[in-house]
Amino acid sequence: MTIEPNIFEFATSELSQDAFICYLLEFGKIKYKNKKEYECAKKFLHTCGIDEDVNKIHTQYKHIDVLVETENYLLIIEDKTYTNEHDDQIIRYVETLKNIEEYNDKKIKVCYYKTGDYVHEYITSNPSILSQEDCYSLKRKHMVDILKDNCSDNLILKSYYFWLNSAEERIKSCDDTNIMTWNSEKWFDYLCKIMDGRLFDIGWVHNQRGGFYGCWFDWYNVPGGEDYKQIEISFADGKTAQVKLCYKFSGKDKEATLNSKTLIENLQKKAVANDFTAGNRKGKTTTYAYKYAKNKNDVEEFIKKPS
């Protein structure tokens, strides 16, 4: 079942998403207690550790995307789609609120709301200012669960639900064994699951050929720099076009990498002995060996194989 047209196919900015969050949480006020929307709003708040009704909602207050007041809490909602937090902005927001006298009796919680491609839970950068137990990561799947049973009578909530759930449906539509059918959402979902418990990162890398999604992991400090693995995934018409498995070396600068020539050659020989192709890219970072994945097994073997 789909809704056509769906306003959220066009209202894709974070400001549009701010407006939706405010609209939903407005129903968290006690006067809407007999409406289904109230249940959705309360589920959202419960997911963020708050079981109270909404008193006030502020937008762009002290640069905070959405600030929700209840009797005993302030909830900072940092709204992201495909971008990430920068410059410790959440910690700065918490510090600002703590310095406002009228809020001194309220406990501060943070909701890191991420509906686009996501990797990690939000981790506070300063536990002395914001404890980890007061941080909540609310992702696309969480919001789908919040809305699915209580949005049928509200066109705005229903439209948002179908828009979010369409991403989950696109993941399900991919052939689980054929990586060349995978879209970016499927890759994020897969990599997050297979990398569970390991340090890794994912991000878009721009280049002259159009760019690729990179996944970086298995960092090791070695003389002169850092040895690590990288998966490069490029797309065409929304589907996977190429998956490149790379062994990388990065020095603090180009000279450091050049001075590590012997080490890189030894690492390269080890990789070539395992059916990788020798690379010869020069610079601060070098791809010293690579191969193209043909199937899911190639990817999983690369991920799981010790460096």
C-alpha atoms as a PDB file:
ATOM      1  CA  MET A   1       0.000   0.000   0.000  1.00  0.00           C
ATOM      2  CA  THR A   2       1.299   3.437  -0.937  1.00  0.00           C
ATOM      3  CA  ILE A   3       0.116   7.010  -0.770  1.00  0.00           C
ATOM      4  CA  GLU A   4       0.384   9.081  -3.939  1.00  0.00           C
ATOM      5  CA  PRO A   5       1.401  11.818  -3.978  1.00  0.00           C
ATOM      6  CA  ASN A   6       3.405  11.879  -0.748  1.00  0.00           C
ATOM      7  CA  ILE A   7       4.509  15.314   0.439  1.00  0.00           C
ATOM      8  CA  PHE A   8       7.635  13.860   2.071  1.00  0.00           C
ATOM      9  CA  GLU A   9       8.975  12.835  -1.324  1.00  0.00           C
ATOM     10  CA  PHE A  10       9.415  16.586  -1.841  1.00  0.00           C
ATOM     11  CA  ALA A  11       9.824  17.881   1.730  1.00  0.00           C
ATOM     12  CA  THR A  12      13.123  16.082   2.320  1.00  0.00           C
ATOM     13  CA  SER A  13      15.140  18.747   4.152  1.00  0.00           C
ATOM     14  CA  GLU A  14      15.984  18.623   7.839  1.00  0.00           C
ATOM     15  CA  LEU A  15      13.830  21.725   8.338  1.00  0.00           C
ATOM     16  CA  SER A  16      10.851  19.822   6.927  1.00  0.00           C
ATOM     17  CA  GLN A  17      11.648  16.966   9.277  1.00  0.00           C
ATOM     18  CA  ASP A  18      11.860  19.451  12.178  1.00  0.00           C
ATOM     19  CA  ALA A  19       8.326  20.559  11.321  1.00  0.00           C
ATOM     20  CA  PHE A  20       7.081  16.974  11.348  1.00  0.00           C
ATOM     21  CA  ILE A  21       8.693  16.246  14.727  1.00  0.00           C
ATOM     22  CA  CYS A  22       7.075  19.347  16.206  1.00  0.00           C
ATOM     23  CA  TYR A  23       3.714  18.407  14.689  1.00  0.00           C
ATOM     24  CA  LEU A  24       3.905  14.903  16.135  1.00  0.00           C
ATOM     25  CA  LEU A  25       5.046  15.984  19.600  1.00  0.00           C
ATOM     26  CA  GLU A  26       2.384  18.678  19.799  1.00  0.00           C
ATOM     27  CA  PHE A  27      -0.004  15.745  20.220  1.00  0.00           C
ATOM     28  CA  GLY A  28       1.949  14.819  23.361  1.00  0.00           C
ATOM     29  CA  LYS A  29       0.057  17.495  25.287  1.00  0.00           C
ATOM     30  CA  ILE A  30      -2.544  16.261  27.757  1.00  0.00           C
ATOM     31  CA  LYS A  31      -5.422  17.886  25.834  1.00  0.00           C
ATOM     32  CA  TYR A  32      -4.934  15.339  23.029  1.00  0.00           C
ATOM     33  CA  LYS A  33      -4.997  12.309  25.345  1.00  0.00           C
ATOM     34  CA  ASN A  34      -7.973  10.707  23.587  1.00  0.00           C
ATOM     35  CA  LYS A  35      -6.375  10.792  20.144  1.00  0.00           C
ATOM     36  CA  LYS A  36      -4.246   8.048  18.554  1.00  0.00           C
ATOM     37  CA  GLU A  37      -1.606  10.670  17.757  1.00  0.00           C
ATOM     38  CA  TYR A  38      -1.108  11.135  21.494  1.00  0.00           C
ATOM     39  CA  GLU A  39       0.063   7.520  21.728  1.00  0.00           C
ATOM     40  CA  CYS A  40       2.608   8.107  18.948  1.00  0.00           C
ATOM     41  CA  ALA A  41       3.957  11.203  20.658  1.00  0.00           C
ATOM     42  CA  LYS A  42       4.216   9.424  24.016  1.00  0.00           C
ATOM     43  CA  LYS A  43       6.041   6.479  22.387  1.00  0.00           C
ATOM     44  CA  PHE A  44       8.547   8.919  20.907  1.00  0.00           C
ATOM     45  CA  LEU A  45       9.151  10.486  24.325  1.00  0.00           C
ATOM     46  CA  HIS A  46       9.323   7.078  26.041  1.00  0.00           C
ATOM     47  CA  THR A  47      12.027   6.016  23.564  1.00  0.00           C
ATOM     48  CA  CYS A  48      13.958   9.070  24.812  1.00  0.00           C
ATOM     49  CA  GLY A  49      13.532   8.126  28.479  1.00  0.00           C
ATOM     50  CA  ILE A  50      10.663  10.527  29.223  1.00  0.00           C
ATOM     51  CA  ASP A  51       7.229   9.414  30.422  1.00  0.00           C
ATOM     52  CA  GLU A  52       5.608  12.812  30.838  1.00  0.00           C
ATOM     53  CA  ASP A  53       3.281  14.984  28.773  1.00  0.00           C
ATOM     54  CA  VAL A  54       4.615  17.795  26.613  1.00  0.00           C
ATOM     55  CA  ASN A  55       4.319  21.332  27.992  1.00  0.00           C
ATOM     56  CA  LYS A  56       6.063  23.437  25.340  1.00  0.00           C
ATOM     57  CA  ILE A  57       7.895  22.954  22.043  1.00  0.00           C
ATOM     58  CA  HIS A  58      10.535  25.379  20.758  1.00  0.00           C
ATOM     59  CA  THR A  59      12.130  25.416  17.312  1.00  0.00           C
ATOM     60  CA  GLN A  60      15.620  26.814  16.646  1.00  0.00           C
ATOM     61  CA  TYR A  61      15.907  27.928  20.271  1.00  0.00           C
ATOM     62  CA  LYS A  62      19.565  28.830  20.882  1.00  0.00           C
ATOM     63  CA  HIS A  63      20.294  27.029  17.561  1.00  0.00           C
ATOM     64  CA  ILE A  64      18.724  23.779  18.846  1.00  0.00           C
ATOM     65  CA  ASP A  65      16.647  22.081  16.122  1.00  0.00           C
ATOM     66  CA  VAL A  66      13.783  21.174  18.467  1.00  0.00           C
ATOM     67  CA  LEU A  67      13.572  21.670  22.234  1.00  0.00           C
ATOM     68  CA  VAL A  68      10.756  19.941  24.131  1.00  0.00           C
ATOM     69  CA  GLU A  69       9.769  20.904  27.673  1.00  0.00           C
ATOM     70  CA  THR A  70       7.939  18.576  30.035  1.00  0.00           C
ATOM     71  CA  GLU A  71       7.380  19.028  33.756  1.00  0.00           C
ATOM     72  CA  ASN A  72      10.783  17.697  34.745  1.00  0.00           C
ATOM     73  CA  TYR A  73      12.774  17.423  31.515  1.00  0.00           C
ATOM     74  CA  LEU A  74      14.241  19.309  28.602  1.00  0.00           C
ATOM     75  CA  LEU A  75      14.653  17.161  25.495  1.00  0.00           C
ATOM     76  CA  ILE A  76      17.114  18.397  22.878  1.00  0.00           C
ATOM     77  CA  ILE A  77      16.294  16.858  19.501  1.00  0.00           C
ATOM     78  CA  GLU A  78      19.181  17.048  17.051  1.00  0.00           C
ATOM     79  CA  ASP A  79      17.612  16.226  13.705  1.00  0.00           C
ATOM     80  CA  LYS A  80      19.739  14.674  10.965  1.00  0.00           C
ATOM     81  CA  THR A  81      18.997  12.992   7.644  1.00  0.00           C
ATOM     82  CA  TYR A  82      22.261  12.234   5.819  1.00  0.00           C
ATOM     83  CA  THR A  83      24.541  14.616   7.730  1.00  0.00           C
ATOM     84  CA  ASN A  84      26.289  14.118  11.057  1.00  0.00           C
ATOM     85  CA  GLU A  85      26.957  16.109  14.213  1.00  0.00           C
ATOM     86  CA  HIS A  86      29.813  18.596  13.978  1.00  0.00           C
ATOM     87  CA  ASP A  87      31.877  20.813  16.284  1.00  0.00           C
ATOM     88  CA  ASP A  88      30.474  19.227  19.474  1.00  0.00           C
ATOM     89  CA  GLN A  89      27.233  21.090  18.812  1.00  0.00           C
ATOM     90  CA  ILE A  90      25.135  18.949  21.181  1.00  0.00           C
ATOM     91  CA  ILE A  91      27.501  19.524  24.113  1.00  0.00           C
ATOM     92  CA  ARG A  92      27.357  23.258  23.401  1.00  0.00           C
ATOM     93  CA  TYR A  93      23.550  23.144  23.445  1.00  0.00           C
ATOM     94  CA  VAL A  94      23.568  21.369  26.814  1.00  0.00           C
ATOM     95  CA  GLU A  95      25.988  23.918  28.255  1.00  0.00           C
ATOM     96  CA  THR A  96      23.779  26.759  27.007  1.00  0.00           C
ATOM     97  CA  LEU A  97      20.651  25.325  28.642  1.00  0.00           C
ATOM     98  CA  LYS A  98      22.449  24.680  31.923  1.00  0.00           C
ATOM     99  CA  ASN A  99      23.274  28.384  32.094  1.00  0.00           C
ATOM    100  CA  ILE A 100      19.635  29.475  31.776  1.00  0.00           C
ATOM    101  CA  GLU A 101      18.201  30.057  35.250  1.00  0.00           C
ATOM    102  CA  GLU A 102      14.586  29.112  34.478  1.00  0.00           C
ATOM    103  CA  TYR A 103      15.757  25.636  33.416  1.00  0.00           C
ATOM    104  CA  ASN A 104      17.894  24.885  36.478  1.00  0.00           C
ATOM    105  CA  ASP A 105      15.327  22.488  37.930  1.00  0.00           C
ATOM    106  CA  LYS A 106      14.991  20.412  34.743  1.00  0.00           C
ATOM    107  CA  LYS A 107      17.040  17.392  33.705  1.00  0.00           C
ATOM    108  CA  ILE A 108      18.429  17.493  30.161  1.00  0.00           C
ATOM    109  CA  LYS A 109      18.161  14.590  27.739  1.00  0.00           C
ATOM    110  CA  VAL A 110      19.231  14.385  24.109  1.00  0.00           C
ATOM    111  CA  CYS A 111      17.605  12.633  21.158  1.00  0.00           C
ATOM    112  CA  TYR A 112      19.888  12.175  18.148  1.00  0.00           C
ATOM    113  CA  TYR A 113      17.271  11.678  15.450  1.00  0.00           C
ATOM    114  CA  LYS A 114      18.726  10.108  12.282  1.00  0.00           C
ATOM    115  CA  THR A 115      16.507   8.917   9.431  1.00  0.00           C
ATOM    116  CA  GLY A 116      18.965   8.715   6.536  1.00  0.00           C
ATOM    117  CA  ASP A 117      21.835   6.267   6.287  1.00  0.00           C
ATOM    118  CA  TYR A 118      23.216   5.726   9.747  1.00  0.00           C
ATOM    119  CA  VAL A 119      26.046   3.813  11.343  1.00  0.00           C
ATOM    120  CA  HIS A 120      26.683   4.398  15.028  1.00  0.00           C
ATOM    121  CA  GLU A 121      24.721   5.275  18.111  1.00  0.00           C
ATOM    122  CA  TYR A 122      25.320   8.820  19.324  1.00  0.00           C
ATOM    123  CA  ILE A 123      28.172   8.926  21.855  1.00  0.00           C
ATOM    124  CA  THR A 124      28.558  11.950  24.106  1.00  0.00           C
ATOM    125  CA  SER A 125      31.888  13.693  23.610  1.00  0.00           C
ATOM    126  CA  ASN A 126      31.962  15.014  27.207  1.00  0.00           C
ATOM    127  CA  PRO A 127      30.387  12.728  29.856  1.00  0.00           C
ATOM    128  CA  SER A 128      30.988  15.330  32.559  1.00  0.00           C
ATOM    129  CA  ILE A 129      28.519  17.650  30.789  1.00  0.00           C
ATOM    130  CA  LEU A 130      26.185  15.098  29.201  1.00  0.00           C
ATOM    131  CA  SER A 131      26.122  11.535  30.497  1.00  0.00           C
ATOM    132  CA  GLN A 132      25.720   8.682  28.038  1.00  0.00           C
ATOM    133  CA  GLU A 133      22.617   7.449  29.882  1.00  0.00           C
ATOM    134  CA  ASP A 134      20.864  10.693  28.896  1.00  0.00           C
ATOM    135  CA  CYS A 135      21.618  10.197  25.179  1.00  0.00           C
ATOM    136  CA  TYR A 136      19.176   8.401  22.885  1.00  0.00           C
ATOM    137  CA  SER A 137      19.661   7.516  19.220  1.00  0.00           C
ATOM    138  CA  LEU A 138      16.310   7.337  17.448  1.00  0.00           C
ATOM    139  CA  LYS A 139      16.691   5.936  13.952  1.00  0.00           C
ATOM    140  CA  ARG A 140      14.460   5.319  10.959  1.00  0.00           C
ATOM    141  CA  LYS A 141      13.475   1.831  12.098  1.00  0.00           C
ATOM    142  CA  HIS A 142      12.481   3.142  15.542  1.00  0.00           C
ATOM    143  CA  MET A 143      10.192   5.782  14.050  1.00  0.00           C
ATOM    144  CA  VAL A 144       8.599   3.236  11.718  1.00  0.00           C
ATOM    145  CA  ASP A 145       7.761   1.118  14.784  1.00  0.00           C
ATOM    146  CA  ILE A 146       6.386   4.148  16.645  1.00  0.00           C
ATOM    147  CA  LEU A 147       4.062   5.147  13.822  1.00  0.00           C
ATOM    148  CA  LYS A 148       2.909   1.870  12.297  1.00  0.00           C
ATOM    149  CA  ASP A 149       0.039   1.095  14.698  1.00  0.00           C
ATOM    150  CA  ASN A 150      -1.317   4.581  15.416  1.00  0.00           C
ATOM    151  CA  CYS A 151      -1.059   6.693  12.258  1.00  0.00           C
ATOM    152  CA  SER A 152      -3.815   5.331   9.997  1.00  0.00           C
ATOM    153  CA  ASP A 153      -6.288   8.166  10.635  1.00  0.00           C
ATOM    154  CA  ASN A 154      -3.830  11.036  10.165  1.00  0.00           C
ATOM    155  CA  LEU A 155      -2.692  11.822   6.616  1.00  0.00           C
ATOM    156  CA  ILE A 156       0.505  13.603   7.707  1.00  0.00           C
ATOM    157  CA  LEU A 157       1.624  10.827  10.058  1.00  0.00           C
ATOM    158  CA  LYS A 158       0.614   8.175   7.546  1.00  0.00           C
ATOM    159  CA  SER A 159       2.525   9.898   4.732  1.00  0.00           C
ATOM    160  CA  TYR A 160       5.657  10.191   6.864  1.00  0.00           C
ATOM    161  CA  TYR A 161       5.362   6.549   7.898  1.00  0.00           C
ATOM    162  CA  PHE A 162       5.142   5.358   4.282  1.00  0.00           C
ATOM    163  CA  TRP A 163       8.014   7.604   3.265  1.00  0.00           C
ATOM    164  CA  LEU A 164      10.301   6.213   6.001  1.00  0.00           C
ATOM    165  CA  ASN A 165       9.131   2.657   5.523  1.00  0.00           C
ATOM    166  CA  SER A 166       9.820   2.838   1.780  1.00  0.00           C
ATOM    167  CA  ALA A 167      13.549   2.809   2.626  1.00  0.00           C
ATOM    168  CA  GLU A 168      13.067  -0.351   4.699  1.00  0.00           C
ATOM    169  CA  GLU A 169      11.104  -1.891   1.826  1.00  0.00           C
ATOM    170  CA  ARG A 170      13.894  -1.057  -0.624  1.00  0.00           C
ATOM    171  CA  ILE A 171      16.293  -2.966   1.628  1.00  0.00           C
ATOM    172  CA  LYS A 172      13.976  -5.981   1.634  1.00  0.00           C
ATOM    173  CA  SER A 173      13.619  -5.838  -2.154  1.00  0.00           C
ATOM    174  CA  CYS A 174      17.326  -6.526  -2.689  1.00  0.00           C
ATOM    175  CA  ASP A 175      18.422 -10.096  -3.397  1.00  0.00           C
ATOM    176  CA  ASP A 176      20.253 -10.957  -0.180  1.00  0.00           C
ATOM    177  CA  THR A 177      22.855 -13.084  -1.948  1.00  0.00           C
ATOM    178  CA  ASN A 178      23.470 -10.953  -5.054  1.00  0.00           C
ATOM    179  CA  ILE A 179      25.360  -7.819  -4.010  1.00  0.00           C
ATOM    180  CA  MET A 180      24.985  -6.287  -7.472  1.00  0.00           C
ATOM    181  CA  THR A 181      21.263  -5.777  -6.752  1.00  0.00           C
ATOM    182  CA  TRP A 182      21.982  -3.839  -3.571  1.00  0.00           C
ATOM    183  CA  ASN A 183      21.220  -0.146  -3.109  1.00  0.00           C
ATOM    184  CA  SER A 184      22.988   2.150  -0.649  1.00  0.00           C
ATOM    185  CA  GLU A 185      20.419   1.490   2.104  1.00  0.00           C
ATOM    186  CA  LYS A 186      21.006  -2.262   1.820  1.00  0.00           C
ATOM    187  CA  TRP A 187      24.775  -1.772   2.077  1.00  0.00           C
ATOM    188  CA  PHE A 188      24.427   0.366   5.207  1.00  0.00           C
ATOM    189  CA  ASP A 189      22.076  -2.162   6.775  1.00  0.00           C
ATOM    190  CA  TYR A 190      24.355  -5.092   5.899  1.00  0.00           C
ATOM    191  CA  LEU A 191      27.608  -3.451   6.995  1.00  0.00           C
ATOM    192  CA  CYS A 192      26.143  -2.282  10.298  1.00  0.00           C
ATOM    193  CA  LYS A 193      25.077  -5.852  11.065  1.00  0.00           C
ATOM    194  CA  ILE A 194      28.253  -7.630  10.003  1.00  0.00           C
ATOM    195  CA  MET A 195      30.495  -5.042  11.702  1.00  0.00           C
ATOM    196  CA  ASP A 196      28.563  -5.186  14.966  1.00  0.00           C
ATOM    197  CA  GLY A 197      30.979  -4.863  17.878  1.00  0.00           C
ATOM    198  CA  ARG A 198      33.856  -3.599  15.728  1.00  0.00           C
ATOM    199  CA  LEU A 199      35.169  -0.106  15.073  1.00  0.00           C
ATOM    200  CA  PHE A 200      34.301   1.076  11.574  1.00  0.00           C
ATOM    201  CA  ASP A 201      33.018   4.077   9.682  1.00  0.00           C
ATOM    202  CA  ILE A 202      31.063   4.722   6.480  1.00  0.00           C
ATOM    203  CA  GLY A 203      30.878   7.857   4.368  1.00  0.00           C
ATOM    204  CA  TRP A 204      30.551   9.212   0.869  1.00  0.00           C
ATOM    205  CA  VAL A 205      33.801  10.004  -0.944  1.00  0.00           C
ATOM    206  CA  HIS A 206      33.646  12.462  -3.835  1.00  0.00           C
ATOM    207  CA  ASN A 207      35.939  12.011  -6.819  1.00  0.00           C
ATOM    208  CA  GLN A 208      36.063  12.786 -10.546  1.00  0.00           C
ATOM    209  CA  ARG A 209      34.324   9.518 -11.383  1.00  0.00           C
ATOM    210  CA  GLY A 210      31.258  10.412  -9.353  1.00  0.00           C
ATOM    211  CA  GLY A 211      32.265   9.103  -5.948  1.00  0.00           C
ATOM    212  CA  PHE A 212      31.636   6.005  -3.861  1.00  0.00           C
ATOM    213  CA  TYR A 213      30.578   4.894  -0.406  1.00  0.00           C
ATOM    214  CA  GLY A 214      33.632   3.986   1.618  1.00  0.00           C
ATOM    215  CA  CYS A 215      33.722   1.690   4.633  1.00  0.00           C
ATOM    216  CA  TRP A 216      36.898   1.837   6.747  1.00  0.00           C
ATOM    217  CA  PHE A 217      37.910  -0.632   9.454  1.00  0.00           C
ATOM    218  CA  ASP A 218      40.702  -2.739  11.002  1.00  0.00           C
ATOM    219  CA  TRP A 219      43.068   0.153  11.667  1.00  0.00           C
ATOM    220  CA  TYR A 220      46.527  -0.866  12.884  1.00  0.00           C
ATOM    221  CA  ASN A 221      49.372   1.412  13.881  1.00  0.00           C
ATOM    222  CA  VAL A 222      52.554   0.414  12.047  1.00  0.00           C
ATOM    223  CA  PRO A 223      55.928   2.168  11.764  1.00  0.00           C
ATOM    224  CA  GLY A 224      55.440   5.397   9.830  1.00  0.00           C
ATOM    225  CA  GLY A 225      51.662   5.332   9.668  1.00  0.00           C
ATOM    226  CA  GLU A 226      48.503   3.276   9.747  1.00  0.00           C
ATOM    227  CA  ASP A 227      47.439   0.114   7.949  1.00  0.00           C
ATOM    228  CA  TYR A 228      43.705  -0.453   7.382  1.00  0.00           C
ATOM    229  CA  LYS A 229      41.039  -1.942   5.119  1.00  0.00           C
ATOM    230  CA  GLN A 230      38.616  -0.083   2.890  1.00  0.00           C
ATOM    231  CA  ILE A 231      35.566  -1.174   0.895  1.00  0.00           C
ATOM    232  CA  GLU A 232      34.629   1.115  -2.012  1.00  0.00           C
ATOM    233  CA  ILE A 233      31.074   0.737  -3.318  1.00  0.00           C
ATOM    234  CA  SER A 234      30.031   2.635  -6.446  1.00  0.00           C
ATOM    235  CA  PHE A 235      26.523   2.787  -7.887  1.00  0.00           C
ATOM    236  CA  ALA A 236      24.756   3.189 -11.215  1.00  0.00           C
ATOM    237  CA  ASP A 237      21.004   3.786 -11.531  1.00  0.00           C
ATOM    238  CA  GLY A 238      20.583   3.139  -7.809  1.00  0.00           C
ATOM    239  CA  LYS A 239      22.188  -0.322  -7.862  1.00  0.00           C
ATOM    240  CA  THR A 240      25.691  -1.538  -7.079  1.00  0.00           C
ATOM    241  CA  ALA A 241      28.053  -1.115 -10.015  1.00  0.00           C
ATOM    242  CA  GLN A 242      31.361  -2.141  -8.407  1.00  0.00           C
ATOM    243  CA  VAL A 243      32.731  -3.280  -5.048  1.00  0.00           C
ATOM    244  CA  LYS A 244      36.476  -2.761  -4.560  1.00  0.00           C
ATOM    245  CA  LEU A 245      38.243  -4.336  -1.586  1.00  0.00           C
ATOM    246  CA  CYS A 246      41.374  -2.379  -0.660  1.00  0.00           C
ATOM    247  CA  TYR A 247      44.331  -2.642   1.659  1.00  0.00           C
ATOM    248  CA  LYS A 248      45.494   0.877   2.513  1.00  0.00           C
ATOM    249  CA  PHE A 249      48.453   2.573   4.146  1.00  0.00           C
ATOM    250  CA  SER A 250      48.325   6.149   5.415  1.00  0.00           C
ATOM    251  CA  GLY A 251      51.263   8.177   6.731  1.00  0.00           C
ATOM    252  CA  LYS A 252      51.120  11.534   8.474  1.00  0.00           C
ATOM    253  CA  ASP A 253      52.280  13.064   5.163  1.00  0.00           C
ATOM    254  CA  LYS A 254      53.533  12.001   1.712  1.00  0.00           C
ATOM    255  CA  GLU A 255      57.158  11.874   2.893  1.00  0.00           C
ATOM    256  CA  ALA A 256      56.263   9.519   5.755  1.00  0.00           C
ATOM    257  CA  THR A 257      54.576   7.180   3.297  1.00  0.00           C
ATOM    258  CA  LEU A 258      57.591   7.249   0.975  1.00  0.00           C
ATOM    259  CA  ASN A 259      59.884   6.447   3.918  1.00  0.00           C
ATOM    260  CA  SER A 260      57.725   3.385   4.639  1.00  0.00           C
ATOM    261  CA  LYS A 261      58.320   1.910   1.175  1.00  0.00           C
ATOM    262  CA  THR A 262      59.836  -1.352   2.432  1.00  0.00           C
ATOM    263  CA  LEU A 263      57.044  -1.918   4.948  1.00  0.00           C
ATOM    264  CA  ILE A 264      54.407  -1.254   2.282  1.00  0.00           C
ATOM    265  CA  GLU A 265      56.108  -3.668  -0.122  1.00  0.00           C
ATOM    266  CA  ASN A 266      56.038  -6.404   2.532  1.00  0.00           C
ATOM    267  CA  LEU A 267      52.356  -5.760   3.244  1.00  0.00           C
ATOM    268  CA  GLN A 268      51.699  -5.804  -0.478  1.00  0.00           C
ATOM    269  CA  LYS A 269      53.444  -9.164  -0.987  1.00  0.00           C
ATOM    270  CA  LYS A 270      51.283 -10.690   1.740  1.00  0.00           C
ATOM    271  CA  ALA A 271      48.107  -9.404   0.094  1.00  0.00           C
ATOM    272  CA  VAL A 272      49.163 -10.483  -3.419  1.00  0.00           C
ATOM    273  CA  ALA A 273      49.796 -13.989  -2.069  1.00  0.00           C
ATOM    274  CA  ASN A 274      46.077 -14.006  -1.179  1.00  0.00           C
ATOM    275  CA  ASP A 275      44.960 -13.194  -4.759  1.00  0.00           C
ATOM    276  CA  PHE A 276      44.950  -9.402  -4.488  1.00  0.00           C
ATOM    277  CA  THR A 277      46.357  -7.146  -7.216  1.00  0.00           C
ATOM    278  CA  ALA A 278      49.314  -4.920  -6.364  1.00  0.00           C
ATOM    279  CA  GLY A 279      48.510  -1.208  -6.361  1.00  0.00           C
ATOM    280  CA  ASN A 280      50.970   1.579  -7.038  1.00  0.00           C
ATOM    281  CA  ARG A 281      49.122   4.791  -6.158  1.00  0.00           C
ATOM    282  CA  LYS A 282      51.497   7.351  -4.656  1.00  0.00           C
ATOM    283  CA  GLY A 283      50.724   9.968  -2.025  1.00  0.00           C
ATOM    284  CA  LYS A 284      50.053  10.353   1.692  1.00  0.00           C
ATOM    285  CA  THR A 285      47.628   7.445   1.435  1.00  0.00           C
ATOM    286  CA  THR A 286      48.319   4.516  -0.830  1.00  0.00           C
ATOM    287  CA  THR A 287      46.196   1.582  -1.959  1.00  0.00           C
ATOM    288  CA  TYR A 288      48.872  -1.060  -1.922  1.00  0.00           C
ATOM    289  CA  ALA A 289      46.608  -3.971  -2.905  1.00  0.00           C
ATOM    290  CA  TYR A 290      43.041  -4.483  -4.108  1.00  0.00           C
ATOM    291  CA  LYS A 291      40.570  -6.785  -5.788  1.00  0.00           C
ATOM    292  CA  TYR A 292      36.969  -6.570  -6.962  1.00  0.00           C
ATOM    293  CA  ALA A 293      34.333  -8.511  -5.079  1.00  0.00           C
ATOM    294  CA  LYS A 294      32.237 -10.826  -7.206  1.00  0.00           C
ATOM    295  CA  ASN A 295      29.824 -11.900  -4.508  1.00  0.00           C
ATOM    296  CA  LYS A 296      28.833 -11.613  -0.863  1.00  0.00           C
ATOM    297  CA  ASN A 297      31.338 -14.298   0.185  1.00  0.00           C
ATOM    298  CA  ASP A 298      34.220 -12.212  -1.186  1.00  0.00           C
ATOM    299  CA  VAL A 299      33.109  -9.260   0.941  1.00  0.00           C
ATOM    300  CA  GLU A 300      32.623 -11.304   4.102  1.00  0.00           C
ATOM    301  CA  GLU A 301      35.955 -13.084   3.716  1.00  0.00           C
ATOM    302  CA  PHE A 302      37.698  -9.714   3.364  1.00  0.00           C
ATOM    303  CA  ILE A 303      35.939  -8.307   6.413  1.00  0.00           C
ATOM    304  CA  LYS A 304      36.581 -11.316   8.637  1.00  0.00           C
ATOM    305  CA  LYS A 305      40.095 -12.200   7.480  1.00  0.00           C
ATOM    306  CA  PRO A 306      42.798 -10.958   9.877  1.00  0.00           C
ATOM    307  CA  SER A 307      45.064  -8.303   8.379  1.00  0.00           C
END
